């Protein structure tokens, strides 16, 4: 997180872009749950991130005040309460190029959320947790593909997060020309690597390593 607030350097800009890519969907889900329709939620989320990048708001993030996850949500709440009404009178983005975001995917994901009266904050936390897990899984897939084992990854991915699919080993192993024992070892190793990648994703949003365990527990609780 500190890298994203490190000034106007190229490295800082890239770090901030990565954080935006990681967190815009949870924030979009939050805006939707606060009562805005899809079109207005897109405008609000786009404007917020445009301002975040243009004004370098991340430089004001104080690691002593909490995690970046909570800082970002607080910043969005401040924007919604105090800045959006004024910004609507001006051309959106103030000449700053808009950020290319996949709105259709975000709206589809939001549509999968429970219809129960869950608070916007809970929606944000759950979507944040799913985003972290998704990014870690994408990195794991990339590693398998880099080693020429994309087929193996596709076959074992359902087994990585579902302990109750043990019966699938006997069915999947022959398809991969592996023994059940060898497949279990491959899945075990992949799970360990996935856990490390999740930890790495969480650590990237923190400035203090002693907060990682608490943040991981919060991630699991959010699901």
Protein backbone atom coordinates (compact mmCIF):
# COMPACT_ATOMS: atom_id res chain seq x y z
CA UNK A 1 0.00 0.00 0.00
CA UNK A 2 2.82 2.38 0.80
CA UNK A 3 4.07 2.15 -2.78
CA UNK A 4 0.76 3.51 -4.09
CA UNK A 5 1.05 6.61 -1.96
CA UNK A 6 4.70 7.25 -2.64
CA UNK A 7 4.32 10.31 -4.83
CA UNK A 8 4.27 10.90 -8.56
CA UNK A 9 6.79 8.24 -9.59
CA UNK A 10 6.05 5.66 -12.26
CA UNK A 11 6.24 2.90 -9.68
CA UNK A 12 3.73 4.70 -7.48
CA UNK A 13 1.32 5.17 -10.39
CA UNK A 14 1.56 1.49 -11.30
CA UNK A 15 0.98 0.44 -7.69
CA UNK A 16 -2.08 2.66 -7.48
CA UNK A 17 -3.42 1.25 -10.76
CA UNK A 18 -3.09 -2.27 -9.34
CA UNK A 19 -4.98 -1.30 -6.21
CA UNK A 20 -7.74 0.27 -8.30
CA UNK A 21 -8.00 -2.91 -10.36
CA UNK A 22 -8.26 -4.96 -7.17
CA UNK A 23 -10.81 -2.86 -5.34
CA UNK A 24 -13.17 -1.17 -7.76
CA UNK A 25 -15.64 -4.08 -7.90
CA UNK A 26 -16.18 -4.18 -4.10
CA UNK A 27 -16.73 -0.42 -4.13
CA UNK A 28 -19.15 -0.67 -7.05
CA UNK A 29 -21.11 -3.29 -5.11
CA UNK A 30 -21.19 -0.94 -2.12
CA UNK A 31 -22.53 1.94 -4.21
CA UNK A 32 -25.20 -0.30 -5.74
CA UNK A 33 -26.37 -1.52 -2.32
CA UNK A 34 -26.69 2.08 -1.05
CA UNK A 35 -29.58 2.50 -3.48
CA UNK A 36 -28.04 3.78 -6.73
CA UNK A 37 -29.06 2.16 -10.00
CA UNK A 38 -26.47 0.55 -12.27
CA UNK A 39 -25.90 3.60 -14.48
CA UNK A 40 -25.42 6.03 -11.62
CA UNK A 41 -23.26 3.53 -9.71
CA UNK A 42 -20.96 3.35 -12.75
CA UNK A 43 -20.66 7.13 -12.84
CA UNK A 44 -20.00 7.33 -9.13
CA UNK A 45 -17.37 4.59 -9.10
CA UNK A 46 -15.64 5.95 -12.20
CA UNK A 47 -15.54 9.47 -10.80
CA UNK A 48 -14.24 8.25 -7.46
CA UNK A 49 -11.32 6.39 -9.00
CA UNK A 50 -10.61 9.23 -11.41
CA UNK A 51 -10.26 11.54 -8.44
CA UNK A 52 -8.29 8.95 -6.50
CA UNK A 53 -5.69 8.81 -9.27
CA UNK A 54 -5.79 12.48 -10.28
CA UNK A 55 -5.59 13.90 -6.75
CA UNK A 56 -3.32 11.18 -5.37
CA UNK A 57 -5.59 10.75 -2.36
CA UNK A 58 -3.77 7.57 -1.35
CA UNK A 59 -0.88 9.69 -0.13
CA UNK A 60 -3.12 10.75 2.75
CA UNK A 61 -3.68 7.17 3.90
CA UNK A 62 -2.33 6.78 7.41
CA UNK A 63 -1.33 3.17 8.19
CA UNK A 64 -1.96 3.88 11.87
CA UNK A 65 -5.65 4.59 11.18
CA UNK A 66 -6.40 1.15 9.77
CA UNK A 67 -6.00 -1.08 6.79
CA UNK A 68 -6.19 0.16 3.22
CA UNK A 69 -9.44 -1.75 2.82
CA UNK A 70 -11.11 0.36 5.50
CA UNK A 71 -9.42 3.56 4.34
CA UNK A 72 -10.70 3.11 0.79
CA UNK A 73 -14.27 2.51 1.93
CA UNK A 74 -14.12 5.56 4.20
CA UNK A 75 -12.82 7.63 1.29
CA UNK A 76 -15.70 6.45 -0.89
CA UNK A 77 -18.24 7.32 1.81
CA UNK A 78 -16.73 10.79 2.08
CA UNK A 79 -16.91 11.19 -1.69
CA UNK A 80 -20.53 10.09 -1.84
CA UNK A 81 -21.55 12.38 1.00
CA UNK A 82 -19.61 15.51 0.17
CA UNK A 83 -18.20 15.62 -3.32
CA UNK A 84 -20.43 13.90 -5.86
CA UNK A 85 -23.16 16.55 -5.90
CA UNK A 86 -20.61 19.24 -6.73
CA UNK A 87 -18.87 17.13 -9.35
CA UNK A 88 -22.07 16.46 -11.31
CA UNK A 89 -22.15 20.07 -12.49
CA UNK A 90 -18.76 19.69 -14.17
CA UNK A 91 -17.68 17.41 -16.95
CA UNK A 92 -16.92 14.03 -15.42
CA UNK A 93 -13.24 13.39 -14.95
CA UNK A 94 -12.12 16.97 -15.56
CA UNK A 95 -10.32 15.95 -18.73
CA UNK A 96 -8.70 12.95 -17.09
CA UNK A 97 -9.13 9.76 -19.18
CA UNK A 98 -11.66 7.40 -17.66
CA UNK A 99 -10.50 4.09 -16.25
CA UNK A 100 -11.46 1.09 -18.42
CA UNK A 101 -13.60 -0.99 -16.08
CA UNK A 102 -15.65 -4.07 -16.90
CA UNK A 103 -19.07 -2.85 -15.79
CA UNK A 104 -21.04 -5.78 -17.20
CA UNK A 105 -19.03 -8.24 -15.13
CA UNK A 106 -19.37 -6.10 -12.03
CA UNK A 107 -23.15 -5.82 -12.43
CA UNK A 108 -23.44 -9.57 -13.01
CA UNK A 109 -21.46 -10.23 -9.82
CA UNK A 110 -23.63 -7.81 -7.91
CA UNK A 111 -26.72 -9.58 -9.19
CA UNK A 112 -25.46 -12.80 -7.60
CA UNK A 113 -25.47 -11.23 -4.14
CA UNK A 114 -28.13 -12.37 -1.72
CA UNK A 115 -31.44 -10.56 -1.78
CA UNK A 116 -31.44 -10.46 2.01
CA UNK A 117 -31.13 -6.99 3.56
CA UNK A 118 -27.35 -7.17 3.95
CA UNK A 119 -25.73 -3.83 4.69
CA UNK A 120 -23.64 -2.10 1.99
CA UNK A 121 -20.62 -2.57 4.26
CA UNK A 122 -21.17 -6.35 4.39
CA UNK A 123 -21.53 -6.46 0.63
CA UNK A 124 -18.25 -4.57 0.27
CA UNK A 125 -16.43 -6.89 2.68
CA UNK A 126 -17.67 -10.04 0.96
CA UNK A 127 -16.89 -8.72 -2.50
CA UNK A 128 -13.44 -7.66 -1.25
CA UNK A 129 -12.79 -11.17 0.06
CA UNK A 130 -13.90 -12.75 -3.22
CA UNK A 131 -11.71 -10.31 -5.14
CA UNK A 132 -8.65 -11.27 -3.10
CA UNK A 133 -9.34 -14.98 -3.62
CA UNK A 134 -9.97 -14.43 -7.33
CA UNK A 135 -6.71 -12.57 -7.82
CA UNK A 136 -4.78 -15.29 -5.98
CA UNK A 137 -6.45 -17.99 -8.07
CA UNK A 138 -5.62 -16.10 -11.28
CA UNK A 139 -1.97 -15.94 -10.23
CA UNK A 140 -1.96 -19.67 -9.50
CA UNK A 141 -3.44 -20.38 -12.91
CA UNK A 142 -0.76 -18.23 -14.52
CA UNK A 143 1.95 -20.19 -12.72
CA UNK A 144 0.53 -23.50 -13.92
CA UNK A 145 0.24 -22.17 -17.47
CA UNK A 146 3.83 -20.95 -17.33
CA UNK A 147 4.92 -24.48 -16.45
CA UNK A 148 2.88 -25.99 -19.26
CA UNK A 149 0.32 -27.49 -16.88
CA UNK A 150 -2.80 -25.52 -17.76
CA UNK A 151 -4.76 -28.74 -18.27
CA UNK A 152 -3.85 -29.97 -14.80
CA UNK A 153 -4.94 -26.69 -13.26
CA UNK A 154 -8.31 -26.77 -15.02
CA UNK A 155 -8.87 -30.30 -13.73
CA UNK A 156 -7.91 -29.67 -10.11
CA UNK A 157 -9.27 -26.14 -9.62
CA UNK A 158 -12.65 -27.39 -8.30
CA UNK A 159 -10.76 -29.48 -5.75
CA UNK A 160 -8.69 -26.60 -4.40
CA UNK A 161 -11.47 -24.92 -2.45
CA UNK A 162 -13.89 -27.80 -1.88
CA UNK A 163 -12.77 -30.33 0.70
CA UNK A 164 -16.00 -32.30 0.18
CA UNK A 165 -15.14 -33.36 -3.37
CA UNK A 166 -12.72 -36.07 -2.31
CA UNK A 167 -14.69 -38.61 -4.30
CA UNK A 168 -13.71 -36.78 -7.46
CA UNK A 169 -10.10 -37.96 -7.18
CA UNK A 170 -10.86 -41.47 -8.43
CA UNK A 171 -12.73 -40.02 -11.40
CA UNK A 172 -10.30 -37.22 -12.25
CA UNK A 173 -7.03 -39.13 -11.85
CA UNK A 174 -7.54 -41.48 -14.83
CA UNK A 175 -8.48 -38.54 -17.04
CA UNK A 176 -5.12 -36.98 -16.20
CA UNK A 177 -3.30 -40.31 -16.50
CA UNK A 178 -2.33 -40.05 -12.83
CA UNK A 179 -2.87 -42.26 -9.82
CA UNK A 180 -5.25 -41.05 -7.13
CA UNK A 181 -2.29 -40.68 -4.79
CA UNK A 182 -0.34 -38.53 -7.23
CA UNK A 183 -3.39 -36.36 -7.80
CA UNK A 184 -3.88 -35.86 -4.08
CA UNK A 185 -0.27 -34.73 -3.77
CA UNK A 186 -0.71 -32.29 -6.68
CA UNK A 187 -3.87 -30.85 -5.13
CA UNK A 188 -2.20 -30.57 -1.72
CA UNK A 189 0.72 -28.65 -3.18
CA UNK A 190 -1.58 -26.40 -5.19
CA UNK A 191 -3.62 -25.62 -2.09
CA UNK A 192 -0.49 -24.68 -0.19
CA UNK A 193 0.61 -22.42 -3.03
CA UNK A 194 -2.86 -20.88 -3.26
CA UNK A 195 -2.81 -20.10 0.46
CA UNK A 196 0.56 -18.39 0.08
CA UNK A 197 -0.73 -16.33 -2.85
CA UNK A 198 -3.79 -15.26 -0.86
CA UNK A 199 -1.49 -14.21 1.95
CA UNK A 200 0.64 -12.28 -0.53
CA UNK A 201 -2.42 -10.48 -1.94
CA UNK A 202 -3.49 -9.47 1.56
CA UNK A 203 0.02 -8.36 2.51
CA UNK A 204 0.14 -6.08 -0.55
CA UNK A 205 -2.64 -3.95 0.98
CA UNK A 206 -0.94 -3.59 4.36
CA UNK A 207 2.05 -1.64 5.60
CA UNK A 208 2.53 -3.76 8.72
CA UNK A 209 3.30 -7.46 8.52
CA UNK A 210 1.88 -8.09 12.00
CA UNK A 211 -1.61 -7.32 10.62
CA UNK A 212 -1.61 -10.09 8.03
CA UNK A 213 -3.06 -12.83 10.23
CA UNK A 214 -5.89 -10.62 11.46
CA UNK A 215 -6.69 -9.58 7.91
CA UNK A 216 -6.75 -13.19 6.75
CA UNK A 217 -9.17 -14.09 9.54
CA UNK A 218 -11.33 -11.15 8.53
CA UNK A 219 -11.28 -12.33 4.92
CA UNK A 220 -12.57 -15.78 5.88
CA UNK A 221 -15.21 -14.28 8.18
CA UNK A 222 -16.41 -12.03 5.37
CA UNK A 223 -17.28 -15.08 3.29
